[in-house]
PDB file of N, CA and C in Angstrom:
ATOM      1  N   MET A   1      49.225 -10.278 -69.407  1.00  0.00           N
ATOM      2  CA  MET A   1      49.896  -9.640 -68.299  1.00  0.00           C
ATOM      3  C   MET A   1      48.829  -9.067 -67.365  1.00  0.00           C
ATOM      4  N   LEU A   2      48.890  -9.428 -66.082  1.00  0.00           N
ATOM      5  CA  LEU A   2      48.013  -8.846 -65.075  1.00  0.00           C
ATOM      6  C   LEU A   2      48.659  -7.572 -64.570  1.00  0.00           C
ATOM      7  N   GLU A   3      47.943  -6.490 -64.684  1.00  0.00           N
ATOM      8  CA  GLU A   3      48.466  -5.213 -64.226  1.00  0.00           C
ATOM      9  C   GLU A   3      47.841  -4.872 -62.886  1.00  0.00           C
ATOM     10  N   ALA A   4      48.551  -4.147 -62.071  1.00  0.00           N
ATOM     11  CA  ALA A   4      48.093  -3.817 -60.729  1.00  0.00           C
ATOM     12  C   ALA A   4      46.899  -2.865 -60.736  1.00  0.00           C
ATOM     13  N   LYS A   5      46.517  -2.349 -61.857  1.00  0.00           N
ATOM     14  CA  LYS A   5      45.456  -1.341 -61.933  1.00  0.00           C
ATOM     15  C   LYS A   5      44.095  -1.939 -62.281  1.00  0.00           C
ATOM     16  N   GLY A   6      43.882  -3.239 -62.034  1.00  0.00           N
ATOM     17  CA  GLY A   6      42.572  -3.831 -62.269  1.00  0.00           C
ATOM     18  C   GLY A   6      42.285  -4.166 -63.714  1.00  0.00           C
ATOM     19  N   LYS A   7      43.304  -4.482 -64.466  1.00  0.00           N
ATOM     20  CA  LYS A   7      43.065  -4.902 -65.840  1.00  0.00           C
ATOM     21  C   LYS A   7      44.080  -5.961 -66.236  1.00  0.00           C
ATOM     22  N   VAL A   8      43.728  -6.720 -67.255  1.00  0.00           N
ATOM     23  CA  VAL A   8      44.615  -7.747 -67.765  1.00  0.00           C
ATOM     24  C   VAL A   8      44.786  -7.517 -69.258  1.00  0.00           C
ATOM     25  N   GLU A   9      45.998  -7.661 -69.712  1.00  0.00           N
ATOM     26  CA  GLU A   9      46.297  -7.550 -71.141  1.00  0.00           C
ATOM     27  C   GLU A   9      46.463  -8.966 -71.675  1.00  0.00           C
ATOM     28  N   VAL A  10      45.628  -9.343 -72.627  1.00  0.00           N
ATOM     29  CA  VAL A  10      45.663 -10.678 -73.213  1.00  0.00           C
ATOM     30  C   VAL A  10      46.206 -10.544 -74.630  1.00  0.00           C
ATOM     31  N   THR A  11      47.275 -11.281 -74.909  1.00  0.00           N
ATOM     32  CA  THR A  11      47.846 -11.262 -76.254  1.00  0.00           C
ATOM     33  C   THR A  11      47.991 -12.687 -76.755  1.00  0.00           C
ATOM     34  N   SER A  12      47.913 -12.825 -78.050  1.00  0.00           N
ATOM     35  CA  SER A  12      48.061 -14.135 -78.669  1.00  0.00           C
ATOM     36  C   SER A  12      48.734 -13.956 -80.017  1.00  0.00           C
ATOM     37  N   SER A  13      49.545 -14.940 -80.375  1.00  0.00           N
ATOM     38  CA  SER A  13      50.217 -14.908 -81.663  1.00  0.00           C
ATOM     39  C   SER A  13      50.179 -16.306 -82.264  1.00  0.00           C
ATOM     40  N   SER A  14      49.719 -16.387 -83.504  1.00  0.00           N
ATOM     41  CA  SER A  14      49.600 -17.673 -84.177  1.00  0.00           C
ATOM     42  C   SER A  14      49.946 -17.488 -85.649  1.00  0.00           C
ATOM     43  N   GLN A  15      50.714 -18.412 -86.201  1.00  0.00           N
ATOM     44  CA  GLN A  15      51.011 -18.333 -87.628  1.00  0.00           C
ATOM     45  C   GLN A  15      49.735 -18.479 -88.452  1.00  0.00           C
ATOM     46  N   GLU A  16      48.817 -19.300 -87.966  1.00  0.00           N
ATOM     47  CA  GLU A  16      47.584 -19.564 -88.701  1.00  0.00           C
ATOM     48  C   GLU A  16      46.581 -18.414 -88.616  1.00  0.00           C
ATOM     49  N   PHE A  17      46.451 -17.786 -87.409  1.00  0.00           N
ATOM     50  CA  PHE A  17      45.416 -16.783 -87.200  1.00  0.00           C
ATOM     51  C   PHE A  17      45.943 -15.363 -87.032  1.00  0.00           C
ATOM     52  N   GLY A  18      47.245 -15.191 -86.905  1.00  0.00           N
ATOM     53  CA  GLY A  18      47.807 -13.861 -86.729  1.00  0.00           C
ATOM     54  C   GLY A  18      47.905 -13.467 -85.261  1.00  0.00           C
ATOM     55  N   ASP A  19      47.948 -12.175 -85.005  1.00  0.00           N
ATOM     56  CA  ASP A  19      48.113 -11.643 -83.656  1.00  0.00           C
ATOM     57  C   ASP A  19      46.808 -11.049 -83.147  1.00  0.00           C
ATOM     58  N   ALA A  20      46.624 -11.104 -81.831  1.00  0.00           N
ATOM     59  CA  ALA A  20      45.449 -10.506 -81.198  1.00  0.00           C
ATOM     60  C   ALA A  20      45.890  -9.840 -79.904  1.00  0.00           C
ATOM     61  N   HIS A  21      45.175  -8.788 -79.518  1.00  0.00           N
ATOM     62  CA  HIS A  21      45.494  -8.042 -78.307  1.00  0.00           C
ATOM     63  C   HIS A  21      44.195  -7.476 -77.740  1.00  0.00           C
ATOM     64  N   GLU A  22      43.913  -7.787 -76.475  1.00  0.00           N
ATOM     65  CA  GLU A  22      42.725  -7.273 -75.798  1.00  0.00           C
ATOM     66  C   GLU A  22      43.103  -6.846 -74.392  1.00  0.00           C
ATOM     67  N   VAL A  23      42.427  -5.827 -73.873  1.00  0.00           N
ATOM     68  CA  VAL A  23      42.583  -5.406 -72.490  1.00  0.00           C
ATOM     69  C   VAL A  23      41.229  -5.589 -71.814  1.00  0.00           C
ATOM     70  N   LEU A  24      41.215  -6.351 -70.700  1.00  0.00           N
ATOM     71  CA  LEU A  24      39.985  -6.650 -69.983  1.00  0.00           C
ATOM     72  C   LEU A  24      40.055  -6.092 -68.570  1.00  0.00           C
ATOM     73  N   VAL A  25      38.918  -5.643 -68.045  1.00  0.00           N
ATOM     74  CA  VAL A  25      38.828  -5.177 -66.666  1.00  0.00           C
ATOM     75  C   VAL A  25      38.692  -6.404 -65.769  1.00  0.00           C
ATOM     76  N   VAL A  26      39.492  -6.463 -64.702  1.00  0.00           N
ATOM     77  CA  VAL A  26      39.482  -7.601 -63.783  1.00  0.00           C
ATOM     78  C   VAL A  26      39.471  -7.108 -62.346  1.00  0.00           C
ATOM     79  N   ASP A  27      39.114  -8.004 -61.445  1.00  0.00           N
ATOM     80  CA  ASP A  27      39.172  -7.725 -60.014  1.00  0.00           C
ATOM     81  C   ASP A  27      40.527  -8.225 -59.513  1.00  0.00           C
ATOM     82  N   TYR A  28      41.538  -7.391 -59.600  1.00  0.00           N
ATOM     83  CA  TYR A  28      42.903  -7.760 -59.232  1.00  0.00           C
ATOM     84  C   TYR A  28      43.616  -6.533 -58.687  1.00  0.00           C
ATOM     85  N   SER A  29      44.267  -6.691 -57.542  1.00  0.00           N
ATOM     86  CA  SER A  29      44.961  -5.548 -56.949  1.00  0.00           C
ATOM     87  C   SER A  29      46.383  -5.881 -56.518  1.00  0.00           C
ATOM     88  N   GLY A  30      46.934  -6.996 -56.994  1.00  0.00           N
ATOM     89  CA  GLY A  30      48.295  -7.395 -56.639  1.00  0.00           C
ATOM     90  C   GLY A  30      49.325  -6.759 -57.546  1.00  0.00           C
ATOM     91  N   PRO A  31      50.550  -7.252 -57.450  1.00  0.00           N
ATOM     92  CA  PRO A  31      51.623  -6.713 -58.293  1.00  0.00           C
ATOM     93  C   PRO A  31      51.455  -7.150 -59.747  1.00  0.00           C
ATOM     94  N   GLN A  32      52.102  -6.445 -60.634  1.00  0.00           N
ATOM     95  CA  GLN A  32      52.060  -6.801 -62.050  1.00  0.00           C
ATOM     96  C   GLN A  32      52.801  -8.110 -62.270  1.00  0.00           C
ATOM     97  N   VAL A  33      52.184  -9.043 -62.991  1.00  0.00           N
ATOM     98  CA  VAL A  33      52.807 -10.328 -63.306  1.00  0.00           C
ATOM     99  C   VAL A  33      52.506 -10.682 -64.757  1.00  0.00           C
ATOM    100  N   GLN A  34      53.332 -11.539 -65.309  1.00  0.00           N
ATOM    101  CA  GLN A  34      53.115 -12.030 -66.662  1.00  0.00           C
ATOM    102  C   GLN A  34      53.057 -13.553 -66.606  1.00  0.00           C
ATOM    103  N   VAL A  35      51.952 -14.128 -67.055  1.00  0.00           N
ATOM    104  CA  VAL A  35      51.800 -15.579 -67.107  1.00  0.00           C
ATOM    105  C   VAL A  35      51.469 -15.977 -68.536  1.00  0.00           C
ATOM    106  N   CYS A  36      51.897 -17.159 -68.922  1.00  0.00           N
ATOM    107  CA  CYS A  36      51.665 -17.647 -70.279  1.00  0.00           C
ATOM    108  C   CYS A  36      50.992 -19.007 -70.215  1.00  0.00           C
ATOM    109  N   PHE A  37      49.965 -19.191 -71.033  1.00  0.00           N
ATOM    110  CA  PHE A  37      49.242 -20.454 -71.116  1.00  0.00           C
ATOM    111  C   PHE A  37      49.052 -20.823 -72.577  1.00  0.00           C
ATOM    112  N   ASN A  38      48.888 -22.100 -72.819  1.00  0.00           N
ATOM    113  CA  ASN A  38      48.509 -22.557 -74.144  1.00  0.00           C
ATOM    114  C   ASN A  38      47.079 -22.092 -74.391  1.00  0.00           C
ATOM    115  N   ALA A  39      46.867 -21.323 -75.433  1.00  0.00           N
ATOM    116  CA  ALA A  39      45.547 -20.745 -75.707  1.00  0.00           C
ATOM    117  C   ALA A  39      44.483 -21.821 -75.893  1.00  0.00           C
ATOM    118  N   GLY A  40      44.842 -22.963 -76.444  1.00  0.00           N
ATOM    119  CA  GLY A  40      43.879 -24.036 -76.651  1.00  0.00           C
ATOM    120  C   GLY A  40      43.271 -24.524 -75.356  1.00  0.00           C
ATOM    121  N   TYR A  41      44.080 -24.606 -74.292  1.00  0.00           N
ATOM    122  CA  TYR A  41      43.570 -25.051 -72.994  1.00  0.00           C
ATOM    123  C   TYR A  41      42.625 -24.011 -72.387  1.00  0.00           C
ATOM    124  N   VAL A  42      42.968 -22.746 -72.530  1.00  0.00           N
ATOM    125  CA  VAL A  42      42.102 -21.684 -72.016  1.00  0.00           C
ATOM    126  C   VAL A  42      40.771 -21.685 -72.773  1.00  0.00           C
ATOM    127  N   ILE A  43      40.829 -21.831 -74.074  1.00  0.00           N
ATOM    128  CA  ILE A  43      39.603 -21.875 -74.888  1.00  0.00           C
ATOM    129  C   ILE A  43      38.757 -23.080 -74.515  1.00  0.00           C
ATOM    130  N   ASP A  44      39.375 -24.236 -74.248  1.00  0.00           N
ATOM    131  CA  ASP A  44      38.627 -25.416 -73.808  1.00  0.00           C
ATOM    132  C   ASP A  44      37.809 -25.097 -72.563  1.00  0.00           C
ATOM    133  N   PHE A  45      38.435 -24.468 -71.584  1.00  0.00           N
ATOM    134  CA  PHE A  45      37.729 -24.130 -70.350  1.00  0.00           C
ATOM    135  C   PHE A  45      36.622 -23.116 -70.612  1.00  0.00           C
ATOM    136  N   LEU A  46      36.945 -22.044 -71.314  1.00  0.00           N
ATOM    137  CA  LEU A  46      35.952 -20.988 -71.545  1.00  0.00           C
ATOM    138  C   LEU A  46      34.786 -21.477 -72.396  1.00  0.00           C
ATOM    139  N   SER A  47      35.019 -22.453 -73.253  1.00  0.00           N
ATOM    140  CA  SER A  47      33.938 -23.020 -74.063  1.00  0.00           C
ATOM    141  C   SER A  47      33.002 -23.883 -73.225  1.00  0.00           C
ATOM    142  N   ALA A  48      33.522 -24.490 -72.166  1.00  0.00           N
ATOM    143  CA  ALA A  48      32.720 -25.392 -71.346  1.00  0.00           C
ATOM    144  C   ALA A  48      31.979 -24.684 -70.219  1.00  0.00           C
ATOM    145  N   VAL A  49      32.530 -23.606 -69.720  1.00  0.00           N
ATOM    146  CA  VAL A  49      31.934 -22.926 -68.573  1.00  0.00           C
ATOM    147  C   VAL A  49      30.698 -22.126 -69.018  1.00  0.00           C
ATOM    148  N   GLU A  50      29.695 -22.084 -68.162  1.00  0.00           N
ATOM    149  CA  GLU A  50      28.438 -21.410 -68.513  1.00  0.00           C
ATOM    150  C   GLU A  50      28.224 -20.110 -67.756  1.00  0.00           C
ATOM    151  N   THR A  51      29.248 -19.613 -67.076  1.00  0.00           N
ATOM    152  CA  THR A  51      29.118 -18.347 -66.360  1.00  0.00           C
ATOM    153  C   THR A  51      29.818 -17.246 -67.144  1.00  0.00           C
ATOM    154  N   GLU A  52      29.413 -16.012 -66.854  1.00  0.00           N
ATOM    155  CA  GLU A  52      30.045 -14.884 -67.529  1.00  0.00           C
ATOM    156  C   GLU A  52      31.354 -14.487 -66.861  1.00  0.00           C
ATOM    157  N   ARG A  53      31.546 -14.919 -65.614  1.00  0.00           N
ATOM    158  CA  ARG A  53      32.774 -14.604 -64.876  1.00  0.00           C
ATOM    159  C   ARG A  53      33.506 -15.893 -64.548  1.00  0.00           C
ATOM    160  N   VAL A  54      34.816 -15.832 -64.618  1.00  0.00           N
ATOM    161  CA  VAL A  54      35.650 -16.972 -64.235  1.00  0.00           C
ATOM    162  C   VAL A  54      36.742 -16.467 -63.305  1.00  0.00           C
ATOM    163  N   GLY A  55      37.219 -17.378 -62.465  1.00  0.00           N
ATOM    164  CA  GLY A  55      38.308 -17.051 -61.563  1.00  0.00           C
ATOM    165  C   GLY A  55      39.597 -17.684 -62.050  1.00  0.00           C
ATOM    166  N   LEU A  56      40.692 -16.996 -61.857  1.00  0.00           N
ATOM    167  CA  LEU A  56      42.014 -17.496 -62.193  1.00  0.00           C
ATOM    168  C   LEU A  56      42.875 -17.310 -60.954  1.00  0.00           C
ATOM    169  N   GLU A  57      43.383 -18.412 -60.416  1.00  0.00           N
ATOM    170  CA  GLU A  57      44.209 -18.368 -59.207  1.00  0.00           C
ATOM    171  C   GLU A  57      45.571 -18.966 -59.519  1.00  0.00           C
ATOM    172  N   PHE A  58      46.624 -18.284 -59.064  1.00  0.00           N
ATOM    173  CA  PHE A  58      47.973 -18.806 -59.278  1.00  0.00           C
ATOM    174  C   PHE A  58      48.883 -18.302 -58.176  1.00  0.00           C
ATOM    175  N   LYS A  59      49.964 -19.045 -57.953  1.00  0.00           N
ATOM    176  CA  LYS A  59      50.921 -18.701 -56.903  1.00  0.00           C
ATOM    177  C   LYS A  59      51.982 -17.723 -57.424  1.00  0.00           C
ATOM    178  N   ASP A  60      52.489 -18.010 -58.617  1.00  0.00           N
ATOM    179  CA  ASP A  60      53.522 -17.163 -59.198  1.00  0.00           C
ATOM    180  C   ASP A  60      53.507 -17.354 -60.717  1.00  0.00           C
ATOM    181  N   GLU A  61      54.443 -16.733 -61.381  1.00  0.00           N
ATOM    182  CA  GLU A  61      54.462 -16.723 -62.846  1.00  0.00           C
ATOM    183  C   GLU A  61      54.814 -18.066 -63.470  1.00  0.00           C
ATOM    184  N   VAL A  62      55.393 -18.996 -62.716  1.00  0.00           N
ATOM    185  CA  VAL A  62      55.845 -20.250 -63.304  1.00  0.00           C
ATOM    186  C   VAL A  62      55.096 -21.482 -62.799  1.00  0.00           C
ATOM    187  N   SER A  63      54.177 -21.330 -61.882  1.00  0.00           N
ATOM    188  CA  SER A  63      53.412 -22.454 -61.342  1.00  0.00           C
ATOM    189  C   SER A  63      52.112 -22.642 -62.114  1.00  0.00           C
ATOM    190  N   GLN A  64      51.481 -23.807 -61.902  1.00  0.00           N
ATOM    191  CA  GLN A  64      50.188 -24.050 -62.521  1.00  0.00           C
ATOM    192  C   GLN A  64      49.156 -23.062 -61.974  1.00  0.00           C
ATOM    193  N   ALA A  65      48.051 -22.950 -62.663  1.00  0.00           N
ATOM    194  CA  ALA A  65      46.972 -22.056 -62.239  1.00  0.00           C
ATOM    195  C   ALA A  65      45.670 -22.844 -62.169  1.00  0.00           C
ATOM    196  N   LEU A  66      44.720 -22.333 -61.393  1.00  0.00           N
ATOM    197  CA  LEU A  66      43.387 -22.910 -61.302  1.00  0.00           C
ATOM    198  C   LEU A  66      42.397 -21.954 -61.924  1.00  0.00           C
ATOM    199  N   MET A  67      41.547 -22.488 -62.762  1.00  0.00           N
ATOM    200  CA  MET A  67      40.447 -21.701 -63.327  1.00  0.00           C
ATOM    201  C   MET A  67      39.160 -22.333 -62.829  1.00  0.00           C
ATOM    202  N   ARG A  68      38.183 -21.492 -62.496  1.00  0.00           N
ATOM    203  CA  ARG A  68      36.903 -22.000 -62.030  1.00  0.00           C
ATOM    204  C   ARG A  68      35.795 -21.021 -62.405  1.00  0.00           C
ATOM    205  N   PRO A  69      34.581 -21.532 -62.606  1.00  0.00           N
ATOM    206  CA  PRO A  69      33.456 -20.632 -62.866  1.00  0.00           C
ATOM    207  C   PRO A  69      33.125 -19.848 -61.597  1.00  0.00           C
ATOM    208  N   VAL A  70      32.712 -18.614 -61.742  1.00  0.00           N
ATOM    209  CA  VAL A  70      32.327 -17.770 -60.615  1.00  0.00           C
ATOM    210  C   VAL A  70      30.822 -17.591 -60.648  1.00  0.00           C
ATOM    211  N   GLY A  71      30.182 -17.835 -59.529  1.00  0.00           N
ATOM    212  CA  GLY A  71      28.740 -17.641 -59.430  1.00  0.00           C
ATOM    213  C   GLY A  71      27.921 -18.808 -59.928  1.00  0.00           C
ATOM    214  N   ALA A  72      28.507 -19.982 -60.002  1.00  0.00           N
ATOM    215  CA  ALA A  72      27.786 -21.172 -60.471  1.00  0.00           C
ATOM    216  C   ALA A  72      27.853 -22.231 -59.379  1.00  0.00           C
ATOM    217  N   GLU A  73      26.938 -22.130 -58.427  1.00  0.00           N
ATOM    218  CA  GLU A  73      26.947 -23.051 -57.302  1.00  0.00           C
ATOM    219  C   GLU A  73      26.719 -24.497 -57.730  1.00  0.00           C
ATOM    220  N   GLN A  74      26.029 -24.713 -58.853  1.00  0.00           N
ATOM    221  CA  GLN A  74      25.765 -26.075 -59.313  1.00  0.00           C
ATOM    222  C   GLN A  74      27.014 -26.752 -59.876  1.00  0.00           C
ATOM    223  N   TYR A  75      28.052 -25.984 -60.148  1.00  0.00           N
ATOM    224  CA  TYR A  75      29.301 -26.546 -60.657  1.00  0.00           C
ATOM    225  C   TYR A  75      30.305 -26.658 -59.524  1.00  0.00           C
ATOM    226  N   ASP A  76      30.862 -27.816 -59.360  1.00  0.00           N
ATOM    227  CA  ASP A  76      31.856 -28.040 -58.324  1.00  0.00           C
ATOM    228  C   ASP A  76      33.097 -28.638 -58.985  1.00  0.00           C
ATOM    229  N   TYR A  77      33.771 -27.838 -59.806  1.00  0.00           N
ATOM    230  CA  TYR A  77      34.958 -28.349 -60.480  1.00  0.00           C
ATOM    231  C   TYR A  77      35.998 -27.243 -60.633  1.00  0.00           C
ATOM    232  N   LEU A  78      37.224 -27.675 -60.801  1.00  0.00           N
ATOM    233  CA  LEU A  78      38.355 -26.798 -61.074  1.00  0.00           C
ATOM    234  C   LEU A  78      38.994 -27.223 -62.374  1.00  0.00           C
ATOM    235  N   TYR A  79      39.665 -26.338 -63.021  1.00  0.00           N
ATOM    236  CA  TYR A  79      40.403 -26.628 -64.238  1.00  0.00           C
ATOM    237  C   TYR A  79      41.843 -26.238 -63.961  1.00  0.00           C
ATOM    238  N   VAL A  80      42.737 -27.202 -63.977  1.00  0.00           N
ATOM    239  CA  VAL A  80      44.152 -26.931 -63.733  1.00  0.00           C
ATOM    240  C   VAL A  80      44.836 -26.704 -65.066  1.00  0.00           C
ATOM    241  N   ILE A  81      45.543 -25.603 -65.180  1.00  0.00           N
ATOM    242  CA  ILE A  81      46.223 -25.264 -66.437  1.00  0.00           C
ATOM    243  C   ILE A  81      47.686 -24.986 -66.120  1.00  0.00           C
ATOM    244  N   MET A  82      48.558 -25.522 -66.962  1.00  0.00           N
ATOM    245  CA  MET A  82      50.002 -25.379 -66.720  1.00  0.00           C
ATOM    246  C   MET A  82      50.661 -24.625 -67.854  1.00  0.00           C
TER     247      MET A  82
END
């Protein structure tokens, strides 16, 4: 869940691995929204990217999102996640 106060709450639930909950500081000042992604796809992107910061862009809670590395001029790619 992206909160309007500059943080994101990341939760995950798996029968195999159990539950996880983290709160991360983000550069976000919009309204509170809740988006859901397959964790495997997010992990695929985060495992491949070599920057410490990533961008997440989306139109609304039900549309696809774009993930991209931040601060990596040598990389010219987007990752579309649905």
